[in-house]
C-alpha atoms as a PDB file:
ATOM      1  CA  MET A   1      77.703 100.521 100.580  1.00  0.00           C
ATOM      2  CA  GLY A   2      77.160 102.986  97.727  1.00  0.00           C
ATOM      3  CA  LEU A   3      80.251 105.136  98.733  1.00  0.00           C
ATOM      4  CA  ALA A   4      82.233 101.951  99.681  1.00  0.00           C
ATOM      5  CA  LYS A   5      81.561 100.599  95.848  1.00  0.00           C
ATOM      6  CA  SER A   6      82.630 103.870  94.384  1.00  0.00           C
ATOM      7  CA  ILE A   7      85.633 104.099  96.208  1.00  0.00           C
ATOM      8  CA  ALA A   8      86.612 100.507  95.433  1.00  0.00           C
ATOM      9  CA  GLY A   9      86.185 101.083  91.801  1.00  0.00           C
ATOM     10  CA  ASN A  10      88.839 103.477  91.475  1.00  0.00           C
ATOM     11  CA  GLY A  11      92.587 102.376  91.076  1.00  0.00           C
ATOM     12  CA  PRO A  12      94.002 100.438  94.033  1.00  0.00           C
ATOM     13  CA  LEU A  13      97.373 102.364  93.914  1.00  0.00           C
ATOM     14  CA  ALA A  14      95.310 105.839  94.287  1.00  0.00           C
ATOM     15  CA  VAL A  15      92.953 104.418  96.786  1.00  0.00           C
ATOM     16  CA  ARG A  16      95.923 103.017  98.985  1.00  0.00           C
ATOM     17  CA  THR A  17      97.640 106.315  98.876  1.00  0.00           C
ATOM     18  CA  SER A  18      94.209 108.088  99.826  1.00  0.00           C
ATOM     19  CA  LYS A  19      93.859 106.001 102.590  1.00  0.00           C
ATOM     20  CA  TRP A  20      97.536 106.414 103.804  1.00  0.00           C
ATOM     21  CA  ILE A  21      97.191 110.345 103.524  1.00  0.00           C
ATOM     22  CA  MET A  22      94.218 110.511 105.541  1.00  0.00           C
ATOM     23  CA  ALA A  23      95.333 107.915 108.181  1.00  0.00           C
ATOM     24  CA  THR A  24      98.433 109.912 108.800  1.00  0.00           C
ATOM     25  CA  ALA A  25      97.789 113.621 107.843  1.00  0.00           C
ATOM     26  CA  ALA A  26      96.077 114.529 110.951  1.00  0.00           C
ATOM     27  CA  GLY A  27      99.169 115.535 112.910  1.00  0.00           C
ATOM     28  CA  TRP A  28     100.876 117.331 109.724  1.00  0.00           C
ATOM     29  CA  ASN A  29     101.314 121.063 109.608  1.00  0.00           C
ATOM     30  CA  ASP A  30     100.584 122.840 106.347  1.00  0.00           C
ATOM     31  CA  PRO A  31     104.407 122.801 105.374  1.00  0.00           C
ATOM     32  CA  ASP A  32     104.344 119.029 105.981  1.00  0.00           C
ATOM     33  CA  LEU A  33     101.165 118.329 104.078  1.00  0.00           C
ATOM     34  CA  TRP A  34     102.399 118.581 100.524  1.00  0.00           C
ATOM     35  CA  ARG A  35     106.197 117.484 101.300  1.00  0.00           C
ATOM     36  CA  ARG A  36     105.044 114.440 103.049  1.00  0.00           C
ATOM     37  CA  GLN A  37     102.605 112.856 100.544  1.00  0.00           C
ATOM     38  CA  GLN A  38     104.647 114.236  97.684  1.00  0.00           C
ATOM     39  CA  ASP A  39     106.686 110.946  96.907  1.00  0.00           C
ATOM     40  CA  ARG A  40     103.643 108.636  97.118  1.00  0.00           C
ATOM     41  CA  VAL A  41     101.371 110.876  94.890  1.00  0.00           C
ATOM     42  CA  ALA A  42     104.187 110.845  92.254  1.00  0.00           C
ATOM     43  CA  GLN A  43     104.426 106.951  92.292  1.00  0.00           C
ATOM     44  CA  VAL A  44     100.456 106.937  91.645  1.00  0.00           C
ATOM     45  CA  MET A  45     100.662 109.644  88.847  1.00  0.00           C
ATOM     46  CA  SER A  46     103.532 107.919  86.954  1.00  0.00           C
ATOM     47  CA  SER A  47     102.100 104.505  87.402  1.00  0.00           C
ATOM     48  CA  GLN A  48     100.512 102.118  84.666  1.00  0.00           C
ATOM     49  CA  ASP A  49      97.182 102.491  86.203  1.00  0.00           C
ATOM     50  CA  ALA A  50      97.578 106.330  85.928  1.00  0.00           C
ATOM     51  CA  LEU A  51      97.992 106.019  82.001  1.00  0.00           C
ATOM     52  CA  GLU A  52      95.165 103.102  81.957  1.00  0.00           C
ATOM     53  CA  GLY A  53      92.862 105.711  83.706  1.00  0.00           C
ATOM     54  CA  ALA A  54      93.536 108.570  81.152  1.00  0.00           C
ATOM     55  CA  THR A  55      93.096 106.148  78.457  1.00  0.00           C
ATOM     56  CA  ALA A  56      89.873 104.804  79.312  1.00  0.00           C
ATOM     57  CA  PHE A  57      88.438 108.345  79.820  1.00  0.00           C
ATOM     58  CA  VAL A  58      89.546 109.283  76.358  1.00  0.00           C
ATOM     59  CA  GLU A  59      88.364 105.915  74.927  1.00  0.00           C
ATOM     60  CA  LYS A  60      85.256 106.578  76.938  1.00  0.00           C
ATOM     61  CA  ARG A  61      85.165 102.939  78.603  1.00  0.00           C
ATOM     62  CA  GLN A  62      85.772 101.813  82.169  1.00  0.00           C
ATOM     63  CA  PRO A  63      89.449 101.378  83.317  1.00  0.00           C
ATOM     64  CA  ARG A  64      91.352  98.116  83.828  1.00  0.00           C
ATOM     65  CA  TRP A  65      93.251  98.603  86.858  1.00  0.00           C
ATOM     66  CA  THR A  66      96.214  96.340  87.379  1.00  0.00           C
ATOM     67  CA  GLY A  67      97.713  98.062  90.651  1.00  0.00           C
ATOM     68  CA  ARG A  68     100.854  98.903  88.824  1.00  0.00           C
END
């Protein structure tokens, strides 16, 4: 339960993308590994939540995730 709470406390876009990678990556070979996840990871990294996470870190506060 502790691990689940820790995971759930992260940004929903990042959690969803991580779950997708874990669920689908088992059959990927090394060259495919980065190529297949690149678009989804780029969406997470350019999201409002990514900015909120960095801002919250600098301001030493808990992030307020929106899923956008």
